[in-house]
Amino acid sequence: MAREVKNEKGFKVIEVSLIECVQWGGLGICDNCNNSAFKGYYVAVLNQVFCEDCYKKWCERAIYYPEDSRIEEHNFERYKKILNID
């Protein structure tokens, strides 16, 4: 079941299964390495889904820019509705 996940940098992220990705019309493929994302991480600020390995690597190098928060919030709220997350 999809759920919001916390990270130390404050990005808005939703953990999703491959099946949940397919249900919203996605392919369940990592937008970084193009492998199957059996457990995916939707990163709202990028509007992308990463597999677990690519998400961990991205978290290590990512920098939070407050000026991106408006689009991040918009994307996050959209996918919360799609995935029925309260």
Protein backbone atom coordinates (compact mmCIF):
# COMPACT_ATOMS: atom_id res chain seq x y z
CA MET A 1 0.00 0.00 0.00
CA ALA A 2 1.30 3.45 -0.94
CA ARG A 3 2.57 5.58 1.91
CA GLU A 4 4.45 8.79 2.50
CA VAL A 5 8.07 8.24 3.50
CA LYS A 6 10.26 10.65 5.41
CA ASN A 7 13.82 11.50 4.52
CA GLU A 8 16.44 13.62 6.23
CA LYS A 9 16.38 16.35 3.57
CA GLY A 10 12.65 17.03 3.74
CA PHE A 11 11.63 15.95 0.25
CA LYS A 12 8.05 14.78 -0.27
CA VAL A 13 8.22 11.13 -1.34
CA ILE A 14 5.67 8.34 -1.70
CA GLU A 15 6.64 4.67 -1.57
CA VAL A 16 4.63 2.67 -4.12
CA SER A 17 4.52 -0.87 -5.40
CA LEU A 18 4.94 -1.78 -9.05
CA ILE A 19 1.24 -2.69 -9.19
CA GLU A 20 0.24 0.74 -7.83
CA CYS A 21 2.37 2.40 -10.51
CA VAL A 22 0.66 0.37 -13.22
CA GLN A 23 -2.78 1.21 -11.79
CA TRP A 24 -2.17 4.96 -12.21
CA GLY A 25 -0.93 4.38 -15.77
CA GLY A 26 2.81 4.13 -15.09
CA LEU A 27 5.05 1.27 -16.10
CA GLY A 28 6.72 0.48 -12.78
CA ILE A 29 10.12 1.22 -14.27
CA CYS A 30 12.77 3.31 -12.55
CA ASP A 31 13.15 6.69 -14.25
CA ASN A 32 16.87 6.58 -13.52
CA CYS A 33 18.18 3.08 -14.34
CA ASN A 34 15.21 1.74 -16.36
CA ASN A 35 14.96 -1.46 -14.30
CA SER A 36 11.74 -2.70 -12.72
CA ALA A 37 10.83 -0.80 -9.59
CA PHE A 38 9.09 -3.51 -7.55
CA LYS A 39 9.24 -1.05 -4.66
CA GLY A 40 9.29 2.44 -6.13
CA TYR A 41 9.72 5.89 -4.67
CA TYR A 42 7.77 8.72 -6.25
CA VAL A 43 9.82 11.89 -5.77
CA ALA A 44 7.35 14.74 -6.10
CA VAL A 45 9.85 17.53 -6.77
CA LEU A 46 11.15 15.58 -9.79
CA ASN A 47 7.83 13.97 -10.75
CA GLN A 48 9.73 10.70 -11.15
CA VAL A 49 9.74 7.19 -9.70
CA PHE A 50 13.01 5.55 -8.65
CA CYS A 51 13.78 1.98 -7.66
CA GLU A 52 15.06 1.50 -4.11
CA ASP A 53 18.76 1.63 -5.07
CA CYS A 54 18.46 4.72 -7.23
CA TYR A 55 16.34 6.46 -4.58
CA LYS A 56 19.00 5.86 -1.93
CA LYS A 57 21.74 7.19 -4.23
CA TRP A 58 19.62 10.21 -5.16
CA CYS A 59 18.96 11.00 -1.47
CA GLU A 60 22.70 11.09 -0.80
CA ARG A 61 23.39 13.73 -3.45
CA ALA A 62 20.10 15.67 -3.61
CA ILE A 63 19.92 19.26 -2.44
CA TYR A 64 16.62 20.74 -1.28
CA TYR A 65 15.80 24.09 -2.90
CA PRO A 66 12.91 25.91 -1.19
CA GLU A 67 11.99 27.66 -4.44
CA ASP A 68 10.87 24.26 -5.81
CA SER A 69 8.41 23.68 -2.97
CA ARG A 70 5.36 24.96 -4.86
CA ILE A 71 5.66 22.45 -7.71
CA GLU A 72 6.70 19.72 -5.26
CA GLU A 73 3.55 20.31 -3.19
CA HIS A 74 1.35 20.35 -6.30
CA ASN A 75 2.77 17.03 -7.56
CA PHE A 76 2.64 15.45 -4.11
CA GLU A 77 -1.01 16.35 -3.52
CA ARG A 78 -1.93 15.09 -6.98
CA TYR A 79 -0.41 11.67 -6.38
CA LYS A 80 -1.82 11.46 -2.86
CA LYS A 81 -5.28 11.72 -4.45
CA ILE A 82 -4.46 9.19 -7.16
CA LEU A 83 -3.13 6.72 -4.56
CA ASN A 84 -5.81 7.42 -1.91
CA ILE A 85 -3.34 8.53 0.75
CA ASP A 86 -4.79 10.61 3.61
